[in-house]
Amino acid sequence: QVQLVESGGGLVQPGGSLRLSCAASGFTFSMYAMTWYRQAPGKERELVARVTPAGDSTNYADSVKDRFTISRDNAKNTVYLQMNSLKPEDTAVYYCKLRKWGVDFWGKGTLVTVSS
């Protein structure tokens, strides 16, 4: 069965950096695009970044462009989100998502808190 396990969240000061990881299993990872979403307290879940199956094309929300970088290692079945220049408004639970055959699979998320 599909499993997505996020890690790497934590407390960081404004201007700091974190790298999130999402370890995937139960499907042929290299065949599917992967996406990071986030959900801040009291807000709807929003798309953060997406990477194509081969990792050769990426898309970002305007709010994170030039600060966040999505990447993947198909040999390790892992997708990453490098987050730099973090702001308090980046505080959220971050999720990775797979869409396979029209069905969305989600991890349980990892909490990122940006605060001094």
N, C-alpha and C. Protein backbone atom coordinates (compact mmCIF):
# COMPACT_ATOMS: atom_id res chain seq x y z
N GLN A 1 0.83 -1.18 0.00
CA GLN A 1 0.00 0.00 0.00
C GLN A 1 0.88 1.25 0.00
N VAL A 2 0.30 2.32 -0.52
CA VAL A 2 1.04 3.58 -0.59
C VAL A 2 1.29 4.11 0.81
N GLN A 3 2.54 4.49 1.06
CA GLN A 3 2.89 5.17 2.30
C GLN A 3 3.75 6.37 1.98
N LEU A 4 3.43 7.48 2.63
CA LEU A 4 4.20 8.71 2.52
C LEU A 4 4.50 9.18 3.93
N VAL A 5 5.78 9.35 4.24
CA VAL A 5 6.18 9.72 5.59
C VAL A 5 7.06 10.95 5.53
N GLU A 6 6.52 12.06 6.03
CA GLU A 6 7.27 13.31 6.05
C GLU A 6 8.12 13.41 7.31
N SER A 7 9.23 14.13 7.19
CA SER A 7 10.10 14.38 8.33
C SER A 7 10.88 15.66 8.08
N GLY A 8 11.52 16.16 9.15
CA GLY A 8 12.39 17.32 9.00
C GLY A 8 11.82 18.62 9.53
N GLY A 9 10.57 18.61 9.97
CA GLY A 9 9.99 19.82 10.52
C GLY A 9 10.58 20.17 11.87
N GLY A 10 10.20 21.36 12.34
CA GLY A 10 10.69 21.80 13.64
C GLY A 10 10.53 23.29 13.82
N LEU A 11 11.15 23.81 14.86
CA LEU A 11 11.12 25.23 15.16
C LEU A 11 12.37 25.89 14.59
N VAL A 12 12.17 26.97 13.87
CA VAL A 12 13.28 27.70 13.26
C VAL A 12 13.01 29.19 13.37
N GLN A 13 14.08 29.96 13.49
CA GLN A 13 13.93 31.41 13.57
C GLN A 13 13.68 32.00 12.18
N PRO A 14 13.03 33.15 12.13
CA PRO A 14 12.86 33.83 10.84
C PRO A 14 14.22 34.02 10.15
N GLY A 15 14.23 33.77 8.85
CA GLY A 15 15.46 33.83 8.08
C GLY A 15 16.23 32.53 8.03
N GLY A 16 15.81 31.56 8.81
CA GLY A 16 16.50 30.28 8.85
C GLY A 16 16.08 29.34 7.74
N SER A 17 16.61 28.13 7.80
CA SER A 17 16.37 27.13 6.76
C SER A 17 16.00 25.79 7.40
N LEU A 18 15.23 25.01 6.64
CA LEU A 18 14.92 23.63 6.98
C LEU A 18 14.84 22.84 5.69
N ARG A 19 15.13 21.54 5.79
CA ARG A 19 14.89 20.65 4.66
C ARG A 19 13.94 19.55 5.10
N LEU A 20 12.82 19.49 4.41
CA LEU A 20 11.84 18.44 4.65
C LEU A 20 12.09 17.28 3.71
N SER A 21 11.77 16.08 4.19
CA SER A 21 11.85 14.87 3.38
C SER A 21 10.52 14.15 3.40
N CYS A 22 10.23 13.47 2.34
CA CYS A 22 9.05 12.61 2.26
C CYS A 22 9.49 11.27 1.68
N ALA A 23 9.50 10.26 2.52
CA ALA A 23 9.87 8.91 2.08
C ALA A 23 8.65 8.18 1.59
N ALA A 24 8.73 7.66 0.38
CA ALA A 24 7.58 7.02 -0.27
C ALA A 24 7.81 5.52 -0.43
N SER A 25 6.72 4.76 -0.37
CA SER A 25 6.79 3.33 -0.61
C SER A 25 5.43 2.84 -1.08
N GLY A 26 5.42 1.64 -1.65
CA GLY A 26 4.17 1.02 -2.07
C GLY A 26 3.74 1.34 -3.49
N PHE A 27 4.58 2.03 -4.23
CA PHE A 27 4.29 2.34 -5.63
C PHE A 27 5.60 2.63 -6.34
N THR A 28 5.53 2.70 -7.66
CA THR A 28 6.73 2.96 -8.46
C THR A 28 6.98 4.46 -8.46
N PHE A 29 7.79 4.88 -7.52
CA PHE A 29 7.99 6.30 -7.23
C PHE A 29 8.39 7.10 -8.47
N SER A 30 9.28 6.55 -9.27
CA SER A 30 9.84 7.30 -10.40
C SER A 30 8.83 7.58 -11.50
N MET A 31 7.63 7.02 -11.42
CA MET A 31 6.63 7.21 -12.46
C MET A 31 5.65 8.34 -12.17
N TYR A 32 5.74 8.93 -10.98
CA TYR A 32 4.70 9.89 -10.57
C TYR A 32 5.27 11.23 -10.13
N ALA A 33 4.55 12.29 -10.51
CA ALA A 33 4.84 13.60 -9.95
C ALA A 33 4.55 13.58 -8.45
N MET A 34 5.26 14.41 -7.74
CA MET A 34 5.05 14.54 -6.29
C MET A 34 4.86 16.01 -5.95
N THR A 35 4.07 16.24 -4.93
CA THR A 35 3.69 17.61 -4.58
C THR A 35 3.79 17.82 -3.07
N TRP A 36 4.26 19.00 -2.70
CA TRP A 36 4.21 19.43 -1.30
C TRP A 36 3.06 20.43 -1.14
N TYR A 37 2.29 20.24 -0.08
CA TYR A 37 1.25 21.17 0.32
C TYR A 37 1.55 21.63 1.75
N ARG A 38 0.85 22.66 2.17
CA ARG A 38 0.92 23.08 3.57
C ARG A 38 -0.43 23.59 4.03
N GLN A 39 -0.64 23.51 5.33
CA GLN A 39 -1.87 24.03 5.91
C GLN A 39 -1.52 24.76 7.19
N ALA A 40 -1.75 26.07 7.16
CA ALA A 40 -1.53 26.91 8.33
C ALA A 40 -2.76 26.87 9.22
N PRO A 41 -2.59 27.19 10.51
CA PRO A 41 -3.74 27.17 11.42
C PRO A 41 -4.87 28.07 10.91
N GLY A 42 -6.07 27.51 10.83
CA GLY A 42 -7.23 28.27 10.42
C GLY A 42 -7.33 28.56 8.94
N LYS A 43 -6.44 27.97 8.16
CA LYS A 43 -6.45 28.23 6.71
C LYS A 43 -6.61 26.93 5.94
N GLU A 44 -6.95 27.08 4.66
CA GLU A 44 -7.09 25.92 3.80
C GLU A 44 -5.70 25.41 3.38
N ARG A 45 -5.68 24.13 3.04
CA ARG A 45 -4.44 23.53 2.55
C ARG A 45 -4.11 24.15 1.19
N GLU A 46 -2.84 24.47 0.98
CA GLU A 46 -2.44 25.09 -0.27
C GLU A 46 -1.23 24.39 -0.86
N LEU A 47 -1.17 24.41 -2.19
CA LEU A 47 -0.05 23.79 -2.89
C LEU A 47 1.19 24.66 -2.71
N VAL A 48 2.30 24.03 -2.43
CA VAL A 48 3.57 24.73 -2.26
C VAL A 48 4.48 24.52 -3.47
N ALA A 49 4.68 23.26 -3.85
CA ALA A 49 5.62 22.97 -4.94
C ALA A 49 5.32 21.59 -5.51
N ARG A 50 5.66 21.43 -6.78
CA ARG A 50 5.43 20.17 -7.48
C ARG A 50 6.65 19.83 -8.32
N VAL A 51 6.94 18.54 -8.42
CA VAL A 51 8.07 18.10 -9.24
C VAL A 51 7.62 16.96 -10.12
N THR A 52 8.06 16.95 -11.37
CA THR A 52 7.70 15.92 -12.32
C THR A 52 8.39 14.59 -11.98
N PRO A 53 7.96 13.50 -12.59
CA PRO A 53 8.53 12.19 -12.23
C PRO A 53 10.05 12.11 -12.36
N ALA A 54 10.61 12.71 -13.41
CA ALA A 54 12.05 12.65 -13.60
C ALA A 54 12.79 13.75 -12.84
N GLY A 55 12.03 14.67 -12.26
CA GLY A 55 12.66 15.77 -11.53
C GLY A 55 13.16 16.89 -12.41
N ASP A 56 12.72 16.89 -13.67
CA ASP A 56 13.26 17.86 -14.63
C ASP A 56 12.42 19.12 -14.76
N SER A 57 11.31 19.16 -14.05
CA SER A 57 10.47 20.36 -14.10
C SER A 57 9.80 20.54 -12.74
N THR A 58 9.75 21.80 -12.30
CA THR A 58 9.16 22.11 -11.00
C THR A 58 8.23 23.31 -11.12
N ASN A 59 7.29 23.40 -10.18
CA ASN A 59 6.39 24.54 -10.10
C ASN A 59 6.28 24.95 -8.64
N TYR A 60 6.08 26.25 -8.41
CA TYR A 60 6.02 26.76 -7.05
C TYR A 60 4.87 27.74 -6.89
N ALA A 61 4.34 27.81 -5.67
CA ALA A 61 3.43 28.88 -5.32
C ALA A 61 4.22 30.19 -5.33
N ASP A 62 3.54 31.26 -5.70
CA ASP A 62 4.23 32.56 -5.74
C ASP A 62 4.83 32.93 -4.39
N SER A 63 4.17 32.51 -3.32
CA SER A 63 4.60 32.90 -1.97
C SER A 63 5.93 32.27 -1.56
N VAL A 64 6.35 31.20 -2.25
CA VAL A 64 7.59 30.53 -1.86
C VAL A 64 8.64 30.55 -2.96
N LYS A 65 8.27 31.08 -4.12
CA LYS A 65 9.20 31.10 -5.25
C LYS A 65 10.48 31.83 -4.86
N ASP A 66 11.60 31.30 -5.28
CA ASP A 66 12.94 31.85 -5.01
C ASP A 66 13.41 31.63 -3.58
N ARG A 67 12.57 31.00 -2.74
CA ARG A 67 13.00 30.66 -1.37
C ARG A 67 13.02 29.15 -1.13
N PHE A 68 12.07 28.45 -1.76
CA PHE A 68 11.95 27.00 -1.56
C PHE A 68 12.39 26.29 -2.83
N THR A 69 12.94 25.09 -2.65
CA THR A 69 13.33 24.25 -3.78
C THR A 69 12.85 22.83 -3.55
N ILE A 70 12.08 22.31 -4.49
CA ILE A 70 11.65 20.91 -4.44
C ILE A 70 12.59 20.09 -5.30
N SER A 71 12.91 18.90 -4.81
CA SER A 71 13.76 17.99 -5.57
C SER A 71 13.39 16.56 -5.19
N ARG A 72 13.94 15.60 -5.92
CA ARG A 72 13.65 14.21 -5.62
C ARG A 72 14.86 13.35 -5.93
N ASP A 73 14.91 12.23 -5.23
CA ASP A 73 15.93 11.22 -5.48
C ASP A 73 15.18 9.92 -5.75
N ASN A 74 15.06 9.57 -7.01
CA ASN A 74 14.28 8.39 -7.37
C ASN A 74 14.94 7.09 -6.91
N ALA A 75 16.24 7.12 -6.69
CA ALA A 75 16.93 5.93 -6.17
C ALA A 75 16.57 5.70 -4.70
N LYS A 76 16.22 6.76 -4.01
CA LYS A 76 15.88 6.66 -2.59
C LYS A 76 14.38 6.77 -2.33
N ASN A 77 13.59 6.92 -3.40
CA ASN A 77 12.14 7.07 -3.26
C ASN A 77 11.79 8.19 -2.29
N THR A 78 12.45 9.31 -2.46
CA THR A 78 12.28 10.42 -1.53
C THR A 78 12.16 11.73 -2.29
N VAL A 79 11.25 12.56 -1.82
CA VAL A 79 11.13 13.92 -2.34
C VAL A 79 11.48 14.88 -1.20
N TYR A 80 12.11 15.98 -1.57
CA TYR A 80 12.61 16.94 -0.59
C TYR A 80 12.00 18.32 -0.82
N LEU A 81 12.00 19.11 0.24
CA LEU A 81 11.65 20.52 0.13
C LEU A 81 12.67 21.31 0.94
N GLN A 82 13.56 21.98 0.23
CA GLN A 82 14.54 22.86 0.89
C GLN A 82 13.89 24.23 1.06
N MET A 83 13.83 24.68 2.29
CA MET A 83 13.16 25.94 2.60
C MET A 83 14.17 26.91 3.19
N ASN A 84 14.40 28.00 2.50
CA ASN A 84 15.33 29.03 2.94
C ASN A 84 14.59 30.34 3.21
N SER A 85 15.26 31.23 3.92
CA SER A 85 14.68 32.56 4.21
C SER A 85 13.27 32.43 4.77
N LEU A 86 13.11 31.56 5.73
CA LEU A 86 11.78 31.27 6.26
C LEU A 86 11.20 32.47 6.96
N LYS A 87 9.87 32.60 6.82
CA LYS A 87 9.12 33.70 7.40
C LYS A 87 8.09 33.14 8.38
N PRO A 88 7.62 33.94 9.32
CA PRO A 88 6.58 33.45 10.23
C PRO A 88 5.34 32.94 9.49
N GLU A 89 5.03 33.54 8.35
CA GLU A 89 3.85 33.09 7.59
C GLU A 89 4.05 31.74 6.90
N ASP A 90 5.27 31.19 6.97
CA ASP A 90 5.51 29.83 6.47
C ASP A 90 5.14 28.77 7.51
N THR A 91 4.78 29.20 8.71
CA THR A 91 4.38 28.26 9.75
C THR A 91 3.15 27.48 9.31
N ALA A 92 3.27 26.15 9.32
CA ALA A 92 2.20 25.29 8.84
C ALA A 92 2.60 23.83 9.04
N VAL A 93 1.63 22.96 8.85
CA VAL A 93 1.92 21.54 8.69
C VAL A 93 2.16 21.30 7.20
N TYR A 94 3.25 20.68 6.88
CA TYR A 94 3.63 20.41 5.50
C TYR A 94 3.38 18.94 5.17
N TYR A 95 2.72 18.73 4.03
CA TYR A 95 2.34 17.38 3.61
C TYR A 95 2.90 17.10 2.22
N CYS A 96 3.27 15.86 1.98
CA CYS A 96 3.52 15.48 0.60
C CYS A 96 2.33 14.67 0.09
N LYS A 97 2.12 14.76 -1.21
CA LYS A 97 0.95 14.15 -1.83
C LYS A 97 1.32 13.46 -3.12
N LEU A 98 0.69 12.32 -3.32
CA LEU A 98 0.79 11.57 -4.57
C LEU A 98 -0.61 11.49 -5.17
N ARG A 99 -0.72 11.73 -6.46
CA ARG A 99 -1.97 11.45 -7.17
C ARG A 99 -1.72 10.25 -8.08
N LYS A 100 -2.41 9.19 -7.83
CA LYS A 100 -2.21 7.94 -8.58
C LYS A 100 -3.57 7.43 -9.02
N TRP A 101 -3.75 7.32 -10.34
CA TRP A 101 -5.02 6.83 -10.89
C TRP A 101 -6.20 7.66 -10.39
N GLY A 102 -6.00 8.97 -10.27
CA GLY A 102 -7.08 9.87 -9.87
C GLY A 102 -7.35 9.91 -8.38
N VAL A 103 -6.57 9.17 -7.60
CA VAL A 103 -6.77 9.13 -6.15
C VAL A 103 -5.59 9.86 -5.49
N ASP A 104 -5.90 10.70 -4.52
CA ASP A 104 -4.87 11.42 -3.77
C ASP A 104 -4.48 10.65 -2.52
N PHE A 105 -3.16 10.49 -2.34
CA PHE A 105 -2.62 9.88 -1.15
C PHE A 105 -1.79 10.93 -0.40
N TRP A 106 -1.99 11.01 0.90
CA TRP A 106 -1.34 12.03 1.72
C TRP A 106 -0.53 11.39 2.83
N GLY A 107 0.57 12.05 3.19
CA GLY A 107 1.25 11.68 4.41
C GLY A 107 0.56 12.33 5.60
N LYS A 108 1.10 12.10 6.80
CA LYS A 108 0.50 12.67 8.00
C LYS A 108 1.00 14.07 8.29
N GLY A 109 2.04 14.49 7.60
CA GLY A 109 2.51 15.85 7.73
C GLY A 109 3.62 16.03 8.75
N THR A 110 4.33 17.14 8.61
CA THR A 110 5.37 17.52 9.56
C THR A 110 5.22 19.01 9.84
N LEU A 111 5.28 19.38 11.12
CA LEU A 111 5.00 20.75 11.53
C LEU A 111 6.26 21.60 11.43
N VAL A 112 6.11 22.74 10.76
CA VAL A 112 7.16 23.74 10.68
C VAL A 112 6.67 24.99 11.39
N THR A 113 7.44 25.44 12.36
CA THR A 113 7.10 26.65 13.10
C THR A 113 8.24 27.64 12.94
N VAL A 114 7.91 28.81 12.42
CA VAL A 114 8.91 29.87 12.22
C VAL A 114 8.61 30.98 13.22
N SER A 115 9.48 31.10 14.20
CA SER A 115 9.24 32.06 15.28
C SER A 115 10.54 32.39 15.99
N SER A 116 10.60 33.62 16.47
CA SER A 116 11.77 34.02 17.25
C SER A 116 11.50 33.80 18.74
